[in-house]
Amino acid sequence: MNIHDTARVFDLEQVPEGEEQAIKEVIELELQILQKSIGQKRPVPRAQHPKHHGCVRAEFTVANELPAEFQFGVFAEAGQTFPALIRFSNARKQDDRESGGHGMAIKLMGVTGDKLLAGQQNAQTQDFLLLDSPIFFIKNAVQFAEFDSALLNSEVSWFGKLSVLEYFVKHPREAWILHQIESNQSSNPLDTDYWSVTPYKLGRGAVKYITKPRTDGPPIVAPAPSPDQLRAAVKLHLEARGAHFDFCVQAQVDAAEQPIEDATHLWQTPAQKVATIHIPQQSFDSAEQMEFCENLSFSPWHGLTEHRPLGSLNRLRKATYLALSNFRHEQNHVPNIEPSPETI
C-alpha cells in the first residue's frame, strides 16, 4: 500500500483477537510488578525507563522543504520552531556501565490543535518516544500479556524464573531481539541513534520516526566509568558545545513488508529528514531540574490527532501508560500536568 493511496490510514490496523482483555491484564500485571519491585521505596519510579540522565531544553525546527504527504500535524508549517524538552534514559538498568536499552523522549510545547487523550484536548504538547533499537522484542498486546505473566511469576519465586525461560523457548526470535537490545552500549546519549519502533499516522499513510545525531566535533564521554557516566557525558558535552539531531520519518510503502501490528518487524524504507533538533549549551542537572524531569509524564498519545499512534503495542500503551502514570503521581503526591514553555 502506497502512502498516496486514498484508503483511510485506520484501515491499516488489524486488532488481534483477545487484545482488549490482554490490555486489561497487562495493566494489572504491570502494577503488580511495579509494586513488588519497589516495595516501600519512595518516590515511586516509572515502570518503564525508570532512570533518567536528565531533561534538556531544545528547539525542534520543521524542515523548510517537505513533500506534501508529510505536511501534517507539527510538520504542517515549514520552518516552524517548537520549544521542547528531551528526557534521556535507561530502559531498565540503574548502572550506566551495564549494557541495555536507552530512550529518548521528546516533548514539544506550544503545539495547538485538538489532542488525542480525553481531558487533554486543549493541552499544548506533542510527545515522540524513541528507543535505541529499530524493533521491539514483543509484537503485540496479546504477547505482552503473556510475557508480563511470566515475568511476574519470576518475581514471585525462584521456580517462577522457568516461566520466562519457557516464554522465550516458545518465542526464540523475540529472545534474540531482546538479547540485541540488552547488548546495546552507549557512551553518550547525544551521540546515539533512536527509533520510534511503533508506527504513527501521518497524512493518508503511516510512518515510523528516527533521530540521527550529527557529528559536531570529537566524541565526548565521561572521564571515568561510573553508575552515572551517561549523565556525566551529557553534562560535559553541553558544557563544551550544543548538540543536533536530524528528526526523520520512514514511510510505509508496502503493508506486508512494513506491517502495522508487528513491532518485531524491521521497516527498511529510507529515512527522510523532516525536522532538526537543536540542544543548546546548558546546565540541566540541578536538584530542582532533576526532580522536575522525574515528575514529567510521556506518552505516544500525548499529541495531535494528526499523529495518532497505530498498532497493537500503541493501543496497549494508551491505557497502560495512563494507569501507571496516574499511580506514580498519586503515590508521590505530585500533580500530573503537562508543562508549558514558561515552566522550563
Foldseek 3Di string as FASTA:
>chain_A
DALPDPDAAQVLADDDPPLVVLLVLLLVLLVLVQCLVQPPDPLRAFSWQRFWLFKFKKKKFFAQDDPPQQLDFPLVDHGDIFIKIKIKGFGDDLFLVFAAKIKIKIKTFQRAAAAQDPPCRGGGIAIQIWMLDLFALAFFSNLSSQQSVLVVLVSVDVVSVVSNVVSCVVVVLSVVRRVVRSRHHDQEPLQTKIWSLAWWAAHRFIKIKIKHWDDPDDQFGAPDRTSSRHSNRHLVDLQVWKIKIFIWIFTDGDCVQDPRATSRHGDDGDIDGTIMMIGHRDDTDDPVNRVVVRLAAGANRGGHPNTGTTYRVNVSRVVNSVSSSVVSCVSNVHDHDDDHPVVD
